[in-house]
Amino acid sequence: MNDDDMLQLAELDSDNRMPAADGKSPQNAKELEAVYDIPVQVSAVLGRATMQVSQLLKLGRGAVVELDRKVGEAIDIYVNNRLVARGEVVVVDDRLGVTMTEIVKSERS
């Protein structure tokens, strides 16, 4: 992953730069090096399902749980439990991955 890819997860201001605490925008990724080693939790949510505990207990090996998403519909990408993007599932060698197709801008309160 290069520096430009890492910046895609940041919430961007109107100039497509991540706002700094002092109100000035960093001019390049080098100015953000202090935060590169901070761990974050990234989750890709394929879909959700709701069921009663009694139904859950009846599930066995090979059971299929129907999710609330359709095939080909975008999945949600969360960083530290905050929705930041939507994307698609991809296969890289023998592993699953996610490619971001849309950055979700949230309004700060």
PDB file of N, CA and C in Angstrom:
ATOM      1  N   MET A   1       0.848  -1.174   0.000  1.00  0.00           N
ATOM      2  CA  MET A   1       0.000   0.000   0.000  1.00  0.00           C
ATOM      3  C   MET A   1       0.892   1.234   0.000  1.00  0.00           C
ATOM      4  N   ASN A   2       0.647   2.172  -0.906  1.00  0.00           N
ATOM      5  CA  ASN A   2       1.467   3.373  -0.936  1.00  0.00           C
ATOM      6  C   ASN A   2       0.819   4.487  -0.127  1.00  0.00           C
ATOM      7  N   ASP A   3       1.513   5.598   0.038  1.00  0.00           N
ATOM      8  CA  ASP A   3       1.022   6.699   0.871  1.00  0.00           C
ATOM      9  C   ASP A   3      -0.311   7.241   0.380  1.00  0.00           C
ATOM     10  N   ASP A   4      -0.506   7.319  -0.932  1.00  0.00           N
ATOM     11  CA  ASP A   4      -1.756   7.840  -1.473  1.00  0.00           C
ATOM     12  C   ASP A   4      -2.931   6.950  -1.117  1.00  0.00           C
ATOM     13  N   ASP A   5      -2.745   5.615  -1.115  1.00  0.00           N
ATOM     14  CA  ASP A   5      -3.807   4.689  -0.741  1.00  0.00           C
ATOM     15  C   ASP A   5      -4.205   4.892   0.711  1.00  0.00           C
ATOM     16  N   MET A   6      -3.244   5.141   1.582  1.00  0.00           N
ATOM     17  CA  MET A   6      -3.527   5.314   2.996  1.00  0.00           C
ATOM     18  C   MET A   6      -4.364   6.561   3.232  1.00  0.00           C
ATOM     19  N   LEU A   7      -4.171   7.585   2.440  1.00  0.00           N
ATOM     20  CA  LEU A   7      -4.922   8.818   2.618  1.00  0.00           C
ATOM     21  C   LEU A   7      -6.366   8.691   2.174  1.00  0.00           C
ATOM     22  N   GLN A   8      -6.703   7.700   1.362  1.00  0.00           N
ATOM     23  CA  GLN A   8      -8.069   7.538   0.899  1.00  0.00           C
ATOM     24  C   GLN A   8      -9.027   7.257   2.041  1.00  0.00           C
ATOM     25  N   LEU A   9      -8.545   6.686   3.137  1.00  0.00           N
ATOM     26  CA  LEU A   9      -9.415   6.385   4.262  1.00  0.00           C
ATOM     27  C   LEU A   9      -9.689   7.600   5.127  1.00  0.00           C
ATOM     28  N   ALA A  10      -8.961   8.667   4.957  1.00  0.00           N
ATOM     29  CA  ALA A  10      -9.130   9.859   5.778  1.00  0.00           C
ATOM     30  C   ALA A  10     -10.368  10.619   5.337  1.00  0.00           C
ATOM     31  N   GLU A  11     -10.957  11.324   6.294  1.00  0.00           N
ATOM     32  CA  GLU A  11     -12.070  12.199   5.933  1.00  0.00           C
ATOM     33  C   GLU A  11     -11.477  13.446   5.312  1.00  0.00           C
ATOM     34  N   LEU A  12     -11.882  13.765   4.100  1.00  0.00           N
ATOM     35  CA  LEU A  12     -11.245  14.824   3.353  1.00  0.00           C
ATOM     36  C   LEU A  12     -12.021  16.127   3.472  1.00  0.00           C
ATOM     37  N   ASP A  13     -11.285  17.254   3.415  1.00  0.00           N
ATOM     38  CA  ASP A  13     -11.947  18.542   3.376  1.00  0.00           C
ATOM     39  C   ASP A  13     -12.263  18.896   1.931  1.00  0.00           C
ATOM     40  N   SER A  14     -12.738  20.088   1.669  1.00  0.00           N
ATOM     41  CA  SER A  14     -13.166  20.463   0.323  1.00  0.00           C
ATOM     42  C   SER A  14     -12.022  20.476  -0.681  1.00  0.00           C
ATOM     43  N   ASP A  15     -10.778  20.563  -0.232  1.00  0.00           N
ATOM     44  CA  ASP A  15      -9.626  20.543  -1.126  1.00  0.00           C
ATOM     45  C   ASP A  15      -9.048  19.143  -1.278  1.00  0.00           C
ATOM     46  N   ASN A  16      -9.776  18.116  -0.819  1.00  0.00           N
ATOM     47  CA  ASN A  16      -9.323  16.727  -0.870  1.00  0.00           C
ATOM     48  C   ASN A  16      -8.053  16.501  -0.072  1.00  0.00           C
ATOM     49  N   ARG A  17      -7.905  17.228   1.019  1.00  0.00           N
ATOM     50  CA  ARG A  17      -6.794  16.999   1.939  1.00  0.00           C
ATOM     51  C   ARG A  17      -7.366  16.802   3.329  1.00  0.00           C
ATOM     52  N   MET A  18      -6.671  16.013   4.132  1.00  0.00           N
ATOM     53  CA  MET A  18      -7.126  15.746   5.487  1.00  0.00           C
ATOM     54  C   MET A  18      -6.857  16.962   6.363  1.00  0.00           C
ATOM     55  N   PRO A  19      -7.891  17.504   7.042  1.00  0.00           N
ATOM     56  CA  PRO A  19      -7.673  18.683   7.866  1.00  0.00           C
ATOM     57  C   PRO A  19      -6.838  18.367   9.100  1.00  0.00           C
ATOM     58  N   ALA A  20      -5.937  19.247   9.452  1.00  0.00           N
ATOM     59  CA  ALA A  20      -5.110  19.089  10.647  1.00  0.00           C
ATOM     60  C   ALA A  20      -5.821  19.736  11.830  1.00  0.00           C
ATOM     61  N   ALA A  21      -5.348  19.422  13.037  1.00  0.00           N
ATOM     62  CA  ALA A  21      -5.965  19.955  14.247  1.00  0.00           C
ATOM     63  C   ALA A  21      -5.892  21.478  14.307  1.00  0.00           C
ATOM     64  N   ASP A  22      -4.843  22.067  13.741  1.00  0.00           N
ATOM     65  CA  ASP A  22      -4.702  23.516  13.788  1.00  0.00           C
ATOM     66  C   ASP A  22      -5.449  24.213  12.653  1.00  0.00           C
ATOM     67  N   GLY A  23      -6.211  23.460  11.872  1.00  0.00           N
ATOM     68  CA  GLY A  23      -6.980  24.039  10.784  1.00  0.00           C
ATOM     69  C   GLY A  23      -6.232  24.090   9.462  1.00  0.00           C
ATOM     70  N   LYS A  24      -4.920  23.883   9.488  1.00  0.00           N
ATOM     71  CA  LYS A  24      -4.137  23.873   8.257  1.00  0.00           C
ATOM     72  C   LYS A  24      -4.132  22.462   7.692  1.00  0.00           C
ATOM     73  N   SER A  25      -4.166  22.355   6.384  1.00  0.00           N
ATOM     74  CA  SER A  25      -4.144  21.047   5.746  1.00  0.00           C
ATOM     75  C   SER A  25      -2.715  20.620   5.460  1.00  0.00           C
ATOM     76  N   PRO A  26      -2.383  19.335   5.741  1.00  0.00           N
ATOM     77  CA  PRO A  26      -1.052  18.843   5.389  1.00  0.00           C
ATOM     78  C   PRO A  26      -0.860  18.931   3.879  1.00  0.00           C
ATOM     79  N   GLN A  27       0.332  19.271   3.449  1.00  0.00           N
ATOM     80  CA  GLN A  27       0.607  19.411   2.027  1.00  0.00           C
ATOM     81  C   GLN A  27       0.931  18.076   1.371  1.00  0.00           C
ATOM     82  N   ASN A  28       1.358  17.095   2.155  1.00  0.00           N
ATOM     83  CA  ASN A  28       1.670  15.790   1.578  1.00  0.00           C
ATOM     84  C   ASN A  28       1.600  14.722   2.656  1.00  0.00           C
ATOM     85  N   ALA A  29       1.720  13.468   2.227  1.00  0.00           N
ATOM     86  CA  ALA A  29       1.604  12.340   3.153  1.00  0.00           C
ATOM     87  C   ALA A  29       2.730  12.309   4.175  1.00  0.00           C
ATOM     88  N   LYS A  30       3.878  12.873   3.862  1.00  0.00           N
ATOM     89  CA  LYS A  30       5.019  12.872   4.781  1.00  0.00           C
ATOM     90  C   LYS A  30       4.663  13.559   6.095  1.00  0.00           C
ATOM     91  N   GLU A  31       3.815  14.577   6.037  1.00  0.00           N
ATOM     92  CA  GLU A  31       3.411  15.297   7.242  1.00  0.00           C
ATOM     93  C   GLU A  31       2.536  14.453   8.167  1.00  0.00           C
ATOM     94  N   LEU A  32       2.036  13.323   7.691  1.00  0.00           N
ATOM     95  CA  LEU A  32       1.170  12.454   8.492  1.00  0.00           C
ATOM     96  C   LEU A  32       1.902  11.253   9.081  1.00  0.00           C
ATOM     97  N   GLU A  33       3.233  11.195   8.932  1.00  0.00           N
ATOM     98  CA  GLU A  33       3.989  10.029   9.375  1.00  0.00           C
ATOM     99  C   GLU A  33       3.762   9.693  10.844  1.00  0.00           C
ATOM    100  N   ALA A  34       3.453  10.657  11.681  1.00  0.00           N
ATOM    101  CA  ALA A  34       3.264  10.410  13.106  1.00  0.00           C
ATOM    102  C   ALA A  34       2.094   9.469  13.378  1.00  0.00           C
ATOM    103  N   VAL A  35       1.129   9.394  12.483  1.00  0.00           N
ATOM    104  CA  VAL A  35      -0.045   8.552  12.729  1.00  0.00           C
ATOM    105  C   VAL A  35       0.016   7.214  11.995  1.00  0.00           C
ATOM    106  N   TYR A  36       1.046   6.968  11.198  1.00  0.00           N
ATOM    107  CA  TYR A  36       1.116   5.745  10.409  1.00  0.00           C
ATOM    108  C   TYR A  36       1.158   4.473  11.253  1.00  0.00           C
ATOM    109  N   ASP A  37       1.704   4.504  12.450  1.00  0.00           N
ATOM    110  CA  ASP A  37       1.839   3.306  13.284  1.00  0.00           C
ATOM    111  C   ASP A  37       0.669   3.094  14.234  1.00  0.00           C
ATOM    112  N   ILE A  38      -0.354   3.918  14.164  1.00  0.00           N
ATOM    113  CA  ILE A  38      -1.522   3.757  15.038  1.00  0.00           C
ATOM    114  C   ILE A  38      -2.393   2.638  14.472  1.00  0.00           C
ATOM    115  N   PRO A  39      -2.655   1.599  15.264  1.00  0.00           N
ATOM    116  CA  PRO A  39      -3.478   0.495  14.756  1.00  0.00           C
ATOM    117  C   PRO A  39      -4.950   0.891  14.669  1.00  0.00           C
ATOM    118  N   VAL A  40      -5.619   0.409  13.629  1.00  0.00           N
ATOM    119  CA  VAL A  40      -7.060   0.613  13.469  1.00  0.00           C
ATOM    120  C   VAL A  40      -7.693  -0.720  13.125  1.00  0.00           C
ATOM    121  N   GLN A  41      -8.958  -0.857  13.435  1.00  0.00           N
ATOM    122  CA  GLN A  41      -9.694  -2.077  13.110  1.00  0.00           C
ATOM    123  C   GLN A  41     -10.511  -1.803  11.847  1.00  0.00           C
ATOM    124  N   VAL A  42     -10.295  -2.610  10.812  1.00  0.00           N
ATOM    125  CA  VAL A  42     -11.020  -2.463   9.558  1.00  0.00           C
ATOM    126  C   VAL A  42     -11.954  -3.660   9.412  1.00  0.00           C
ATOM    127  N   SER A  43     -13.240  -3.386   9.153  1.00  0.00           N
ATOM    128  CA  SER A  43     -14.238  -4.446   8.982  1.00  0.00           C
ATOM    129  C   SER A  43     -14.956  -4.247   7.660  1.00  0.00           C
ATOM    130  N   ALA A  44     -15.195  -5.337   6.953  1.00  0.00           N
ATOM    131  CA  ALA A  44     -15.980  -5.311   5.731  1.00  0.00           C
ATOM    132  C   ALA A  44     -17.244  -6.123   5.998  1.00  0.00           C
ATOM    133  N   VAL A  45     -18.389  -5.468   5.965  1.00  0.00           N
ATOM    134  CA  VAL A  45     -19.656  -6.108   6.313  1.00  0.00           C
ATOM    135  C   VAL A  45     -20.381  -6.515   5.033  1.00  0.00           C
ATOM    136  N   LEU A  46     -20.523  -7.814   4.844  1.00  0.00           N
ATOM    137  CA  LEU A  46     -21.193  -8.343   3.657  1.00  0.00           C
ATOM    138  C   LEU A  46     -22.699  -8.142   3.720  1.00  0.00           C
ATOM    139  N   GLY A  47     -23.245  -8.166   4.915  1.00  0.00           N
ATOM    140  CA  GLY A  47     -24.681  -8.021   5.109  1.00  0.00           C
ATOM    141  C   GLY A  47     -25.034  -8.381   6.536  1.00  0.00           C
ATOM    142  N   ARG A  48     -26.296  -8.250   6.864  1.00  0.00           N
ATOM    143  CA  ARG A  48     -26.777  -8.535   8.219  1.00  0.00           C
ATOM    144  C   ARG A  48     -28.013  -9.417   8.159  1.00  0.00           C
ATOM    145  N   ALA A  49     -28.254 -10.108   9.267  1.00  0.00           N
ATOM    146  CA  ALA A  49     -29.447 -10.930   9.402  1.00  0.00           C
ATOM    147  C   ALA A  49     -29.929 -10.842  10.843  1.00  0.00           C
ATOM    148  N   THR A  50     -31.224 -10.902  11.025  1.00  0.00           N
ATOM    149  CA  THR A  50     -31.824 -10.894  12.364  1.00  0.00           C
ATOM    150  C   THR A  50     -32.600 -12.196  12.535  1.00  0.00           C
ATOM    151  N   MET A  51     -32.386 -12.842  13.676  1.00  0.00           N
ATOM    152  CA  MET A  51     -33.128 -14.070  13.966  1.00  0.00           C
ATOM    153  C   MET A  51     -33.260 -14.251  15.469  1.00  0.00           C
ATOM    154  N   GLN A  52     -34.205 -15.053  15.844  1.00  0.00           N
ATOM    155  CA  GLN A  52     -34.413 -15.357  17.255  1.00  0.00           C
ATOM    156  C   GLN A  52     -33.373 -16.365  17.716  1.00  0.00           C
ATOM    157  N   VAL A  53     -33.097 -16.375  19.007  1.00  0.00           N
ATOM    158  CA  VAL A  53     -32.117 -17.299  19.570  1.00  0.00           C
ATOM    159  C   VAL A  53     -32.515 -18.741  19.257  1.00  0.00           C
ATOM    160  N   SER A  54     -33.811 -19.026  19.313  1.00  0.00           N
ATOM    161  CA  SER A  54     -34.255 -20.401  19.033  1.00  0.00           C
ATOM    162  C   SER A  54     -33.899 -20.813  17.600  1.00  0.00           C
ATOM    163  N   GLN A  55     -34.014 -19.874  16.650  1.00  0.00           N
ATOM    164  CA  GLN A  55     -33.628 -20.173  15.277  1.00  0.00           C
ATOM    165  C   GLN A  55     -32.115 -20.365  15.169  1.00  0.00           C
ATOM    166  N   LEU A  56     -31.372 -19.541  15.869  1.00  0.00           N
ATOM    167  CA  LEU A  56     -29.911 -19.627  15.851  1.00  0.00           C
ATOM    168  C   LEU A  56     -29.444 -20.988  16.369  1.00  0.00           C
ATOM    169  N   LEU A  57     -30.074 -21.461  17.432  1.00  0.00           N
ATOM    170  CA  LEU A  57     -29.684 -22.739  18.024  1.00  0.00           C
ATOM    171  C   LEU A  57     -29.998 -23.921  17.118  1.00  0.00           C
ATOM    172  N   LYS A  58     -30.940 -23.754  16.189  1.00  0.00           N
ATOM    173  CA  LYS A  58     -31.303 -24.833  15.273  1.00  0.00           C
ATOM    174  C   LYS A  58     -30.363 -24.929  14.074  1.00  0.00           C
ATOM    175  N   LEU A  59     -29.503 -23.925  13.884  1.00  0.00           N
ATOM    176  CA  LEU A  59     -28.587 -23.949  12.744  1.00  0.00           C
ATOM    177  C   LEU A  59     -27.552 -25.050  12.928  1.00  0.00           C
ATOM    178  N   GLY A  60     -27.272 -25.729  11.878  1.00  0.00           N
ATOM    179  CA  GLY A  60     -26.253 -26.780  11.911  1.00  0.00           C
ATOM    180  C   GLY A  60     -25.240 -26.571  10.809  1.00  0.00           C
ATOM    181  N   ARG A  61     -24.304 -27.498  10.729  1.00  0.00           N
ATOM    182  CA  ARG A  61     -23.274 -27.420   9.698  1.00  0.00           C
ATOM    183  C   ARG A  61     -23.936 -27.371   8.327  1.00  0.00           C
ATOM    184  N   GLY A  62     -23.511 -26.438   7.507  1.00  0.00           N
ATOM    185  CA  GLY A  62     -24.045 -26.301   6.151  1.00  0.00           C
ATOM    186  C   GLY A  62     -25.289 -25.436   6.063  1.00  0.00           C
ATOM    187  N   ALA A  63     -25.777 -24.938   7.202  1.00  0.00           N
ATOM    188  CA  ALA A  63     -26.961 -24.072   7.173  1.00  0.00           C
ATOM    189  C   ALA A  63     -26.617 -22.765   6.465  1.00  0.00           C
ATOM    190  N   VAL A  64     -27.584 -22.202   5.788  1.00  0.00           N
ATOM    191  CA  VAL A  64     -27.400 -20.944   5.072  1.00  0.00           C
ATOM    192  C   VAL A  64     -28.211 -19.870   5.776  1.00  0.00           C
ATOM    193  N   VAL A  65     -27.558 -18.780   6.103  1.00  0.00           N
ATOM    194  CA  VAL A  65     -28.233 -17.633   6.714  1.00  0.00           C
ATOM    195  C   VAL A  65     -28.345 -16.556   5.640  1.00  0.00           C
ATOM    196  N   GLU A  66     -29.567 -16.184   5.313  1.00  0.00           N
ATOM    197  CA  GLU A  66     -29.799 -15.188   4.271  1.00  0.00           C
ATOM    198  C   GLU A  66     -29.521 -13.796   4.819  1.00  0.00           C
ATOM    199  N   LEU A  67     -28.686 -13.047   4.087  1.00  0.00           N
ATOM    200  CA  LEU A  67     -28.331 -11.694   4.495  1.00  0.00           C
ATOM    201  C   LEU A  67     -29.223 -10.672   3.790  1.00  0.00           C
ATOM    202  N   ASP A  68     -29.162  -9.442   4.244  1.00  0.00           N
ATOM    203  CA  ASP A  68     -30.029  -8.391   3.707  1.00  0.00           C
ATOM    204  C   ASP A  68     -29.463  -7.715   2.462  1.00  0.00           C
ATOM    205  N   ARG A  69     -28.449  -8.284   1.847  1.00  0.00           N
ATOM    206  CA  ARG A  69     -27.841  -7.715   0.643  1.00  0.00           C
ATOM    207  C   ARG A  69     -28.049  -8.646  -0.541  1.00  0.00           C
ATOM    208  N   LYS A  70     -28.078  -8.047  -1.721  1.00  0.00           N
ATOM    209  CA  LYS A  70     -28.193  -8.822  -2.950  1.00  0.00           C
ATOM    210  C   LYS A  70     -26.800  -9.036  -3.553  1.00  0.00           C
ATOM    211  N   VAL A  71     -26.676 -10.021  -4.409  1.00  0.00           N
ATOM    212  CA  VAL A  71     -25.419 -10.294  -5.107  1.00  0.00           C
ATOM    213  C   VAL A  71     -25.045  -9.065  -5.925  1.00  0.00           C
ATOM    214  N   GLY A  72     -23.795  -8.640  -5.814  1.00  0.00           N
ATOM    215  CA  GLY A  72     -23.321  -7.489  -6.560  1.00  0.00           C
ATOM    216  C   GLY A  72     -23.543  -6.154  -5.877  1.00  0.00           C
ATOM    217  N   GLU A  73     -24.308  -6.145  -4.789  1.00  0.00           N
ATOM    218  CA  GLU A  73     -24.542  -4.908  -4.056  1.00  0.00           C
ATOM    219  C   GLU A  73     -23.292  -4.556  -3.248  1.00  0.00           C
ATOM    220  N   ALA A  74     -23.021  -3.270  -3.098  1.00  0.00           N
ATOM    221  CA  ALA A  74     -21.826  -2.814  -2.384  1.00  0.00           C
ATOM    222  C   ALA A  74     -21.846  -3.269  -0.925  1.00  0.00           C
ATOM    223  N   ILE A  75     -20.652  -3.553  -0.395  1.00  0.00           N
ATOM    224  CA  ILE A  75     -20.517  -3.895   1.015  1.00  0.00           C
ATOM    225  C   ILE A  75     -20.043  -2.656   1.775  1.00  0.00           C
ATOM    226  N   ASP A  76     -20.280  -2.635   3.072  1.00  0.00           N
ATOM    227  CA  ASP A  76     -19.874  -1.504   3.905  1.00  0.00           C
ATOM    228  C   ASP A  76     -18.495  -1.763   4.494  1.00  0.00           C
ATOM    229  N   ILE A  77     -17.645  -0.734   4.485  1.00  0.00           N
ATOM    230  CA  ILE A  77     -16.305  -0.828   5.053  1.00  0.00           C
ATOM    231  C   ILE A  77     -16.232   0.119   6.241  1.00  0.00           C
ATOM    232  N   TYR A  78     -15.919  -0.436   7.399  1.00  0.00           N
ATOM    233  CA  TYR A  78     -15.853   0.335   8.640  1.00  0.00           C
ATOM    234  C   TYR A  78     -14.412   0.422   9.114  1.00  0.00           C
ATOM    235  N   VAL A  79     -14.022   1.562   9.647  1.00  0.00           N
ATOM    236  CA  VAL A  79     -12.744   1.726  10.321  1.00  0.00           C
ATOM    237  C   VAL A  79     -13.071   2.172  11.740  1.00  0.00           C
ATOM    238  N   ASN A  80     -12.637   1.367  12.722  1.00  0.00           N
ATOM    239  CA  ASN A  80     -12.965   1.615  14.127  1.00  0.00           C
ATOM    240  C   ASN A  80     -14.463   1.844  14.314  1.00  0.00           C
ATOM    241  N   ASN A  81     -15.266   0.958  13.749  1.00  0.00           N
ATOM    242  CA  ASN A  81     -16.722   0.966  13.867  1.00  0.00           C
ATOM    243  C   ASN A  81     -17.384   2.196  13.261  1.00  0.00           C
ATOM    244  N   ARG A  82     -16.698   2.880  12.367  1.00  0.00           N
ATOM    245  CA  ARG A  82     -17.267   4.045  11.694  1.00  0.00           C
ATOM    246  C   ARG A  82     -17.289   3.776  10.192  1.00  0.00           C
ATOM    247  N   LEU A  83     -18.459   3.924   9.576  1.00  0.00           N
ATOM    248  CA  LEU A  83     -18.587   3.694   8.142  1.00  0.00           C
ATOM    249  C   LEU A  83     -17.769   4.733   7.385  1.00  0.00           C
ATOM    250  N   VAL A  84     -16.803   4.270   6.585  1.00  0.00           N
ATOM    251  CA  VAL A  84     -15.944   5.196   5.847  1.00  0.00           C
ATOM    252  C   VAL A  84     -16.024   4.988   4.339  1.00  0.00           C
ATOM    253  N   ALA A  85     -16.472   3.805   3.890  1.00  0.00           N
ATOM    254  CA  ALA A  85     -16.471   3.543   2.452  1.00  0.00           C
ATOM    255  C   ALA A  85     -17.414   2.397   2.124  1.00  0.00           C
ATOM    256  N   ARG A  86     -17.657   2.251   0.840  1.00  0.00           N
ATOM    257  CA  ARG A  86     -18.372   1.090   0.313  1.00  0.00           C
ATOM    258  C   ARG A  86     -17.468   0.465  -0.742  1.00  0.00           C
ATOM    259  N   GLY A  87     -17.642  -0.825  -0.957  1.00  0.00           N
ATOM    260  CA  GLY A  87     -16.751  -1.471  -1.904  1.00  0.00           C
ATOM    261  C   GLY A  87     -17.281  -2.788  -2.414  1.00  0.00           C
ATOM    262  N   GLU A  88     -16.395  -3.517  -3.072  1.00  0.00           N
ATOM    263  CA  GLU A  88     -16.725  -4.813  -3.656  1.00  0.00           C
ATOM    264  C   GLU A  88     -15.730  -5.858  -3.184  1.00  0.00           C
ATOM    265  N   VAL A  89     -16.194  -7.092  -3.075  1.00  0.00           N
ATOM    266  CA  VAL A  89     -15.327  -8.209  -2.700  1.00  0.00           C
ATOM    267  C   VAL A  89     -14.531  -8.625  -3.928  1.00  0.00           C
ATOM    268  N   VAL A  90     -13.231  -8.842  -3.720  1.00  0.00           N
ATOM    269  CA  VAL A  90     -12.352  -9.305  -4.800  1.00  0.00           C
ATOM    270  C   VAL A  90     -11.561 -10.508  -4.295  1.00  0.00           C
ATOM    271  N   VAL A  91     -11.035 -11.287  -5.219  1.00  0.00           N
ATOM    272  CA  VAL A  91     -10.189 -12.421  -4.872  1.00  0.00           C
ATOM    273  C   VAL A  91      -8.760 -12.081  -5.283  1.00  0.00           C
ATOM    274  N   VAL A  92      -7.839 -12.188  -4.317  1.00  0.00           N
ATOM    275  CA  VAL A  92      -6.424 -11.935  -4.563  1.00  0.00           C
ATOM    276  C   VAL A  92      -5.681 -13.207  -4.200  1.00  0.00           C
ATOM    277  N   ASP A  93      -5.138 -13.895  -5.218  1.00  0.00           N
ATOM    278  CA  ASP A  93      -4.543 -15.217  -5.038  1.00  0.00           C
ATOM    279  C   ASP A  93      -5.599 -16.129  -4.425  1.00  0.00           C
ATOM    280  N   ASP A  94      -5.363 -16.650  -3.225  1.00  0.00           N
ATOM    281  CA  ASP A  94      -6.340 -17.533  -2.575  1.00  0.00           C
ATOM    282  C   ASP A  94      -7.075 -16.846  -1.435  1.00  0.00           C
ATOM    283  N   ARG A  95      -7.051 -15.548  -1.395  1.00  0.00           N
ATOM    284  CA  ARG A  95      -7.660 -14.818  -0.279  1.00  0.00           C
ATOM    285  C   ARG A  95      -8.717 -13.841  -0.788  1.00  0.00           C
ATOM    286  N   LEU A  96      -9.657 -13.522   0.101  1.00  0.00           N
ATOM    287  CA  LEU A  96     -10.650 -12.502  -0.212  1.00  0.00           C
ATOM    288  C   LEU A  96     -10.105 -11.137   0.148  1.00  0.00           C
ATOM    289  N   GLY A  97     -10.501 -10.149  -0.599  1.00  0.00           N
ATOM    290  CA  GLY A  97     -10.117  -8.776  -0.323  1.00  0.00           C
ATOM    291  C   GLY A  97     -11.285  -7.852  -0.624  1.00  0.00           C
ATOM    292  N   VAL A  98     -11.070  -6.584  -0.399  1.00  0.00           N
ATOM    293  CA  VAL A  98     -12.103  -5.582  -0.647  1.00  0.00           C
ATOM    294  C   VAL A  98     -11.474  -4.429  -1.406  1.00  0.00           C
ATOM    295  N   THR A  99     -12.138  -3.980  -2.433  1.00  0.00           N
ATOM    296  CA  THR A  99     -11.706  -2.779  -3.136  1.00  0.00           C
ATOM    297  C   THR A  99     -12.723  -1.678  -2.875  1.00  0.00           C
ATOM    298  N   MET A 100     -12.239  -0.502  -2.531  1.00  0.00           N
ATOM    299  CA  MET A 100     -13.140   0.612  -2.231  1.00  0.00           C
ATOM    300  C   MET A 100     -13.636   1.231  -3.527  1.00  0.00           C
ATOM    301  N   THR A 101     -14.932   1.428  -3.625  1.00  0.00           N
ATOM    302  CA  THR A 101     -15.519   2.047  -4.807  1.00  0.00           C
ATOM    303  C   THR A 101     -16.109   3.412  -4.496  1.00  0.00           C
ATOM    304  N   GLU A 102     -16.326   3.695  -3.211  1.00  0.00           N
ATOM    305  CA  GLU A 102     -16.954   4.960  -2.824  1.00  0.00           C
ATOM    306  C   GLU A 102     -16.519   5.326  -1.415  1.00  0.00           C
ATOM    307  N   ILE A 103     -16.060   6.551  -1.212  1.00  0.00           N
ATOM    308  CA  ILE A 103     -15.755   7.063   0.117  1.00  0.00           C
ATOM    309  C   ILE A 103     -17.030   7.687   0.662  1.00  0.00           C
ATOM    310  N   VAL A 104     -17.389   7.329   1.905  1.00  0.00           N
ATOM    311  CA  VAL A 104     -18.592   7.861   2.534  1.00  0.00           C
ATOM    312  C   VAL A 104     -18.198   9.028   3.411  1.00  0.00           C
ATOM    313  N   LYS A 105     -18.729  10.191   3.101  1.00  0.00           N
ATOM    314  CA  LYS A 105     -18.460  11.377   3.919  1.00  0.00           C
ATOM    315  C   LYS A 105     -19.523  11.468   4.994  1.00  0.00           C
ATOM    316  N   SER A 106     -19.101  11.584   6.228  1.00  0.00           N
ATOM    317  CA  SER A 106     -20.052  11.755   7.319  1.00  0.00           C
ATOM    318  C   SER A 106     -19.958  13.182   7.828  1.00  0.00           C
ATOM    319  N   GLU A 107     -21.070  13.681   8.304  1.00  0.00           N
ATOM    320  CA  GLU A 107     -21.073  15.038   8.829  1.00  0.00           C
ATOM    321  C   GLU A 107     -20.658  15.000  10.290  1.00  0.00           C
ATOM    322  N   ARG A 108     -19.722  15.847  10.645  1.00  0.00           N
ATOM    323  CA  ARG A 108     -19.261  15.935  12.038  1.00  0.00           C
ATOM    324  C   ARG A 108     -20.280  16.737  12.828  1.00  0.00           C
ATOM    325  N   SER A 109     -20.519  16.296  14.071  1.00  0.00           N
ATOM    326  CA  SER A 109     -21.464  17.047  14.912  1.00  0.00           C
ATOM    327  C   SER A 109     -20.745  17.932  15.884  1.00  0.00           C
TER     328      SER A 109
END
